[in-house]
C-alpha atoms as a PDB file:
ATOM      1  CA  MET A   1       9.106  36.902-247.827  1.00  0.00           C
ATOM      2  CA  GLN A   2      11.059  34.179-249.795  1.00  0.00           C
ATOM      3  CA  GLU A   3      13.360  31.962-248.141  1.00  0.00           C
ATOM      4  CA  ILE A   4      16.732  32.126-249.852  1.00  0.00           C
ATOM      5  CA  GLY A   5      19.461  29.585-248.772  1.00  0.00           C
ATOM      6  CA  LEU A   6      23.396  30.976-248.025  1.00  0.00           C
ATOM      7  CA  VAL A   7      24.608  30.607-251.775  1.00  0.00           C
ATOM      8  CA  TYR A   8      22.441  32.880-253.088  1.00  0.00           C
ATOM      9  CA  TRP A   9      21.841  35.492-250.110  1.00  0.00           C
ATOM     10  CA  HIS A  10      23.900  38.171-251.871  1.00  0.00           C
ATOM     11  CA  PRO A  11      26.174  38.201-254.877  1.00  0.00           C
ATOM     12  CA  MET A  12      29.350  38.740-253.715  1.00  0.00           C
ATOM     13  CA  THR A  13      28.639  35.542-251.426  1.00  0.00           C
ATOM     14  CA  TYR A  14      27.650  33.387-254.409  1.00  0.00           C
ATOM     15  CA  ARG A  15      30.655  34.797-256.838  1.00  0.00           C
ATOM     16  CA  PHE A  16      33.378  33.631-253.661  1.00  0.00           C
ATOM     17  CA  ILE A  17      31.798  30.171-253.543  1.00  0.00           C
ATOM     18  CA  GLU A  18      31.786  30.121-257.205  1.00  0.00           C
ATOM     19  CA  ARG A  19      35.771  31.534-257.732  1.00  0.00           C
ATOM     20  CA  MET A  20      36.186  28.765-254.927  1.00  0.00           C
ATOM     21  CA  LEU A  21      34.750  26.529-256.476  1.00  0.00           C
ATOM     22  CA  TYR A  22      36.495  26.659-260.266  1.00  0.00           C
ATOM     23  CA  GLY A  23      39.582  27.502-259.359  1.00  0.00           C
ATOM     24  CA  ARG A  24      42.366  28.567-262.471  1.00  0.00           C
ATOM     25  CA  SER A  25      38.965  27.658-264.559  1.00  0.00           C
ATOM     26  CA  TYR A  26      36.783  30.341-263.519  1.00  0.00           C
ATOM     27  CA  ARG A  27      38.304  32.787-265.726  1.00  0.00           C
ATOM     28  CA  ARG A  28      38.437  30.619-268.826  1.00  0.00           C
ATOM     29  CA  HIS A  29      34.859  30.247-268.388  1.00  0.00           C
ATOM     30  CA  TYR A  30      33.709  33.609-268.386  1.00  0.00           C
ATOM     31  CA  GLU A  31      35.916  34.380-271.574  1.00  0.00           C
ATOM     32  CA  ALA A  32      34.574  31.153-273.499  1.00  0.00           C
ATOM     33  CA  LEU A  33      31.013  32.557-272.883  1.00  0.00           C
ATOM     34  CA  SER A  34      32.097  35.708-273.509  1.00  0.00           C
ATOM     35  CA  ARG A  35      33.829  35.361-277.405  1.00  0.00           C
ATOM     36  CA  GLU A  36      30.614  32.842-278.108  1.00  0.00           C
ATOM     37  CA  ILE A  37      28.258  35.725-277.956  1.00  0.00           C
ATOM     38  CA  GLY A  38      31.005  38.327-279.697  1.00  0.00           C
ATOM     39  CA  GLY A  39      29.035  41.413-280.472  1.00  0.00           C
ATOM     40  CA  LEU A  40      25.293  40.349-279.916  1.00  0.00           C
ATOM     41  CA  ASN A  41      22.824  41.658-277.867  1.00  0.00           C
ATOM     42  CA  VAL A  42      21.877  38.839-274.412  1.00  0.00           C
ATOM     43  CA  LEU A  43      19.361  38.028-272.823  1.00  0.00           C
ATOM     44  CA  GLU A  44      20.655  35.560-269.796  1.00  0.00           C
ATOM     45  CA  LEU A  45      17.745  33.444-267.614  1.00  0.00           C
ATOM     46  CA  CYS A  46      18.710  33.310-263.908  1.00  0.00           C
ATOM     47  CA  CYS A  47      21.631  35.371-264.120  1.00  0.00           C
ATOM     48  CA  GLY A  48      22.691  35.681-260.820  1.00  0.00           C
ATOM     49  CA  ASP A  49      25.352  38.415-259.991  1.00  0.00           C
ATOM     50  CA  CYS A  50      25.420  38.841-263.413  1.00  0.00           C
ATOM     51  CA  GLN A  51      29.460  37.754-263.558  1.00  0.00           C
ATOM     52  CA  ILE A  52      29.031  37.620-267.536  1.00  0.00           C
ATOM     53  CA  VAL A  53      29.205  41.418-267.481  1.00  0.00           C
ATOM     54  CA  ASP A  54      32.259  41.869-266.682  1.00  0.00           C
ATOM     55  CA  TYR A  55      32.986  40.090-270.021  1.00  0.00           C
ATOM     56  CA  LEU A  56      31.426  41.354-272.674  1.00  0.00           C
ATOM     57  CA  LYS A  57      32.744  44.344-274.505  1.00  0.00           C
ATOM     58  CA  GLY A  58      29.581  46.925-274.932  1.00  0.00           C
ATOM     59  CA  ASN A  59      26.989  44.618-275.989  1.00  0.00           C
ATOM     60  CA  ARG A  60      23.277  45.396-274.645  1.00  0.00           C
ATOM     61  CA  TYR A  61      22.853  43.120-272.021  1.00  0.00           C
ATOM     62  CA  ASN A  62      19.605  42.155-270.124  1.00  0.00           C
ATOM     63  CA  GLY A  63      18.888  39.786-266.882  1.00  0.00           C
ATOM     64  CA  LEU A  64      16.121  37.874-265.675  1.00  0.00           C
ATOM     65  CA  ASP A  65      16.177  36.508-262.193  1.00  0.00           C
ATOM     66  CA  ILE A  66      13.841  35.122-259.696  1.00  0.00           C
ATOM     67  CA  ASN A  67      15.954  36.464-256.062  1.00  0.00           C
ATOM     68  CA  PRO A  68      15.499  39.636-255.476  1.00  0.00           C
ATOM     69  CA  ARG A  69      18.925  40.414-253.553  1.00  0.00           C
ATOM     70  CA  PHE A  70      20.030  39.324-257.073  1.00  0.00           C
ATOM     71  CA  VAL A  71      17.760  41.803-259.309  1.00  0.00           C
ATOM     72  CA  ASN A  72      17.940  44.377-256.462  1.00  0.00           C
ATOM     73  CA  HIS A  73      22.097  44.040-256.529  1.00  0.00           C
ATOM     74  CA  ALA A  74      22.538  43.931-260.224  1.00  0.00           C
ATOM     75  CA  ARG A  75      20.174  47.175-260.720  1.00  0.00           C
ATOM     76  CA  ARG A  76      22.427  48.816-258.271  1.00  0.00           C
ATOM     77  CA  ARG A  77      24.797  48.055-260.579  1.00  0.00           C
ATOM     78  CA  GLY A  78      23.167  50.066-263.772  1.00  0.00           C
ATOM     79  CA  LEU A  79      22.115  46.689-265.254  1.00  0.00           C
ATOM     80  CA  ASN A  80      18.353  45.796-266.618  1.00  0.00           C
ATOM     81  CA  VAL A  81      17.660  42.732-264.589  1.00  0.00           C
ATOM     82  CA  SER A  82      13.956  41.888-264.487  1.00  0.00           C
ATOM     83  CA  LEU A  83      12.509  39.715-261.365  1.00  0.00           C
ATOM     84  CA  GLN A  84      10.374  37.174-263.116  1.00  0.00           C
ATOM     85  CA  ASP A  85      10.547  33.453-262.578  1.00  0.00           C
ATOM     86  CA  VAL A  86      11.063  32.499-265.707  1.00  0.00           C
ATOM     87  CA  SER A  87       9.789  29.019-266.052  1.00  0.00           C
ATOM     88  CA  VAL A  88       6.690  31.072-266.412  1.00  0.00           C
ATOM     89  CA  ALA A  89       7.580  34.012-268.192  1.00  0.00           C
ATOM     90  CA  LYS A  90       7.208  34.975-271.249  1.00  0.00           C
ATOM     91  CA  LEU A  91      10.737  35.297-272.593  1.00  0.00           C
ATOM     92  CA  PRO A  92      11.766  38.881-274.623  1.00  0.00           C
ATOM     93  CA  GLU A  93      13.404  37.971-277.548  1.00  0.00           C
ATOM     94  CA  ALA A  94      16.785  38.449-277.793  1.00  0.00           C
ATOM     95  CA  GLU A  95      20.469  37.686-280.504  1.00  0.00           C
ATOM     96  CA  CYS A  96      22.223  35.361-277.941  1.00  0.00           C
ATOM     97  CA  ILE A  97      20.258  34.301-275.282  1.00  0.00           C
ATOM     98  CA  LEU A  98      22.551  32.366-272.317  1.00  0.00           C
ATOM     99  CA  ILE A  99      21.746  30.118-269.436  1.00  0.00           C
ATOM    100  CA  ASN A 100      24.577  29.439-267.211  1.00  0.00           C
ATOM    101  CA  ASN A 101      25.526  27.374-264.512  1.00  0.00           C
ATOM    102  CA  SER A 102      21.669  26.712-263.705  1.00  0.00           C
ATOM    103  CA  LEU A 103      19.719  24.581-266.364  1.00  0.00           C
ATOM    104  CA  TYR A 104      19.711  21.907-263.205  1.00  0.00           C
ATOM    105  CA  GLN A 105      17.167  24.694-261.283  1.00  0.00           C
ATOM    106  CA  PHE A 106      14.584  22.977-264.064  1.00  0.00           C
ATOM    107  CA  TYR A 107      15.199  18.692-263.707  1.00  0.00           C
ATOM    108  CA  PRO A 108      12.855  17.465-264.685  1.00  0.00           C
ATOM    109  CA  HIS A 109      11.628  19.679-266.898  1.00  0.00           C
ATOM    110  CA  HIS A 110      14.612  21.679-268.534  1.00  0.00           C
ATOM    111  CA  GLY A 111      13.750  20.424-272.142  1.00  0.00           C
ATOM    112  CA  GLN A 112      10.830  22.807-271.916  1.00  0.00           C
ATOM    113  CA  LEU A 113      12.767  25.725-270.670  1.00  0.00           C
ATOM    114  CA  ILE A 114      15.822  24.836-273.537  1.00  0.00           C
ATOM    115  CA  ARG A 115      12.901  24.799-275.972  1.00  0.00           C
ATOM    116  CA  LYS A 116      11.762  28.490-274.599  1.00  0.00           C
ATOM    117  CA  ALA A 117      14.775  29.448-274.879  1.00  0.00           C
ATOM    118  CA  LEU A 118      14.966  28.551-278.730  1.00  0.00           C
ATOM    119  CA  GLU A 119      12.106  30.066-279.500  1.00  0.00           C
ATOM    120  CA  SER A 120      13.018  33.475-278.063  1.00  0.00           C
ATOM    121  CA  ALA A 121      16.903  33.533-279.257  1.00  0.00           C
ATOM    122  CA  GLN A 122      17.027  35.021-282.485  1.00  0.00           C
ATOM    123  CA  LYS A 123      20.498  33.749-283.635  1.00  0.00           C
ATOM    124  CA  LYS A 124      22.092  31.517-280.543  1.00  0.00           C
ATOM    125  CA  LEU A 125      21.320  29.691-277.291  1.00  0.00           C
ATOM    126  CA  ILE A 126      24.138  29.074-275.491  1.00  0.00           C
ATOM    127  CA  ILE A 127      23.513  27.066-272.428  1.00  0.00           C
ATOM    128  CA  SER A 128      26.483  25.961-269.860  1.00  0.00           C
ATOM    129  CA  GLU A 129      26.387  23.761-266.997  1.00  0.00           C
ATOM    130  CA  PRO A 130      28.863  22.262-263.953  1.00  0.00           C
ATOM    131  CA  VAL A 131      29.511  18.544-265.106  1.00  0.00           C
ATOM    132  CA  VAL A 132      32.210  18.542-262.173  1.00  0.00           C
ATOM    133  CA  ASN A 133      30.037  18.406-259.387  1.00  0.00           C
ATOM    134  CA  LEU A 134      30.890  18.135-255.580  1.00  0.00           C
ATOM    135  CA  THR A 135      27.100  17.295-254.829  1.00  0.00           C
ATOM    136  CA  SER A 136      25.280  13.708-255.159  1.00  0.00           C
ATOM    137  CA  PRO A 137      21.679  12.686-255.000  1.00  0.00           C
ATOM    138  CA  LYS A 138      23.351   9.591-253.533  1.00  0.00           C
ATOM    139  CA  ASN A 139      24.509  11.262-250.533  1.00  0.00           C
ATOM    140  CA  ARG A 140      22.002  12.191-248.041  1.00  0.00           C
ATOM    141  CA  ILE A 141      23.799  14.526-245.458  1.00  0.00           C
ATOM    142  CA  ILE A 142      25.694  16.535-248.943  1.00  0.00           C
ATOM    143  CA  SER A 143      21.839  16.425-250.485  1.00  0.00           C
ATOM    144  CA  PHE A 144      20.029  18.251-247.263  1.00  0.00           C
ATOM    145  CA  ILE A 145      22.957  20.728-247.344  1.00  0.00           C
ATOM    146  CA  THR A 146      22.536  21.899-250.798  1.00  0.00           C
ATOM    147  CA  LYS A 147      19.569  21.497-251.033  1.00  0.00           C
ATOM    148  CA  ARG A 148      19.189  24.020-247.975  1.00  0.00           C
ATOM    149  CA  THR A 149      22.123  26.150-249.091  1.00  0.00           C
ATOM    150  CA  THR A 150      20.920  26.504-252.907  1.00  0.00           C
ATOM    151  CA  ARG A 151      16.887  27.567-251.645  1.00  0.00           C
ATOM    152  CA  VAL A 152      15.803  30.552-253.387  1.00  0.00           C
ATOM    153  CA  GLY A 153      11.610  30.575-252.319  1.00  0.00           C
ATOM    154  CA  ASP A 154      10.501  27.244-252.952  1.00  0.00           C
ATOM    155  CA  LYS A 155      12.863  26.278-255.447  1.00  0.00           C
ATOM    156  CA  SER A 156      15.549  24.066-254.715  1.00  0.00           C
ATOM    157  CA  SER A 157      16.945  21.302-256.786  1.00  0.00           C
ATOM    158  CA  VAL A 158      19.833  18.568-255.582  1.00  0.00           C
ATOM    159  CA  LYS A 159      19.630  17.426-258.962  1.00  0.00           C
ATOM    160  CA  ARG A 160      23.119  17.765-261.026  1.00  0.00           C
ATOM    161  CA  PHE A 161      23.717  16.611-264.597  1.00  0.00           C
ATOM    162  CA  ASN A 162      27.330  14.492-265.483  1.00  0.00           C
ATOM    163  CA  ARG A 163      28.857  14.932-268.754  1.00  0.00           C
ATOM    164  CA  GLU A 164      27.340  12.813-270.241  1.00  0.00           C
ATOM    165  CA  GLU A 165      24.212  13.524-269.921  1.00  0.00           C
ATOM    166  CA  MET A 166      24.792  17.173-271.224  1.00  0.00           C
ATOM    167  CA  GLU A 167      26.632  15.981-273.857  1.00  0.00           C
ATOM    168  CA  GLU A 168      23.092  14.505-274.535  1.00  0.00           C
ATOM    169  CA  ILE A 169      21.102  17.263-273.904  1.00  0.00           C
ATOM    170  CA  PHE A 170      23.559  18.858-276.528  1.00  0.00           C
ATOM    171  CA  ARG A 171      23.204  16.785-279.278  1.00  0.00           C
ATOM    172  CA  GLU A 172      19.238  16.225-278.665  1.00  0.00           C
ATOM    173  CA  TYR A 173      19.076  19.905-279.263  1.00  0.00           C
ATOM    174  CA  HIS A 174      21.842  19.632-282.532  1.00  0.00           C
ATOM    175  CA  ALA A 175      24.497  21.944-280.525  1.00  0.00           C
ATOM    176  CA  ASP A 176      26.885  22.987-282.876  1.00  0.00           C
ATOM    177  CA  LYS A 177      30.011  23.480-280.933  1.00  0.00           C
ATOM    178  CA  ILE A 178      30.519  21.668-277.353  1.00  0.00           C
ATOM    179  CA  GLU A 179      33.158  22.648-275.476  1.00  0.00           C
ATOM    180  CA  PHE A 180      34.592  21.447-271.802  1.00  0.00           C
ATOM    181  CA  LEU A 181      35.757  24.281-269.810  1.00  0.00           C
ATOM    182  CA  GLY A 182      37.157  23.014-267.017  1.00  0.00           C
ATOM    183  CA  ARG A 183      33.648  22.494-264.497  1.00  0.00           C
ATOM    184  CA  ASN A 184      31.410  22.894-267.155  1.00  0.00           C
ATOM    185  CA  LEU A 185      30.177  21.824-270.348  1.00  0.00           C
ATOM    186  CA  MET A 186      29.356  24.900-272.335  1.00  0.00           C
ATOM    187  CA  GLY A 187      27.087  24.155-275.894  1.00  0.00           C
ATOM    188  CA  VAL A 188      25.980  26.218-278.303  1.00  0.00           C
ATOM    189  CA  ILE A 189      23.045  26.142-280.908  1.00  0.00           C
ATOM    190  CA  SER A 190      23.175  28.298-283.154  1.00  0.00           C
ATOM    191  CA  LYS A 191      19.409  29.844-284.874  1.00  0.00           C
ATOM    192  CA  SER A 192      20.323  27.439-288.177  1.00  0.00           C
ATOM    193  CA  GLU A 193      20.436  24.182-286.191  1.00  0.00           C
ATOM    194  CA  ARG A 194      17.748  24.718-283.800  1.00  0.00           C
ATOM    195  CA  ILE A 195      14.989  22.227-284.277  1.00  0.00           C
ATOM    196  CA  ARG A 196      11.412  23.476-285.345  1.00  0.00           C
END
């Protein structure tokens, strides 16, 4: 059985911690994502607790996650979620692909995931990543705690992007919209804007 850190032990634990970290910007974050998704069908990579579903209005939703506990919980909610490692899985096409709070987990290969998601996005890719973070790889104690509490199997990262790094990533992939959401920076890359 794979090792799962405290943060990803159960969707309710994850949501509680996320709400504490986000504070008042929690709702604003998900409302902004929902507005950007609009009526499009959505595929969420590393879907976690599938929180975005509570803010969507009848969209067709699919999710992929590597954590079997999160996948089973989502399926019990009646959601179409598959147990897959998105770094190696072939991604199905969707009008909108969402990467929310998880790009850091793929560092330093995050560009590969972005390109892969762009290939499967029919209309747009939305990336929302925390840029106001408590952790820092320079703080050994916090780094150790973070690595242990955010582990899923053999995957764990202490890397967190800052605002300048995310702005650079969004510029590299020609995002046509960048918005600060209180803790996260959201970038929207439209199909018409994407690199070929």
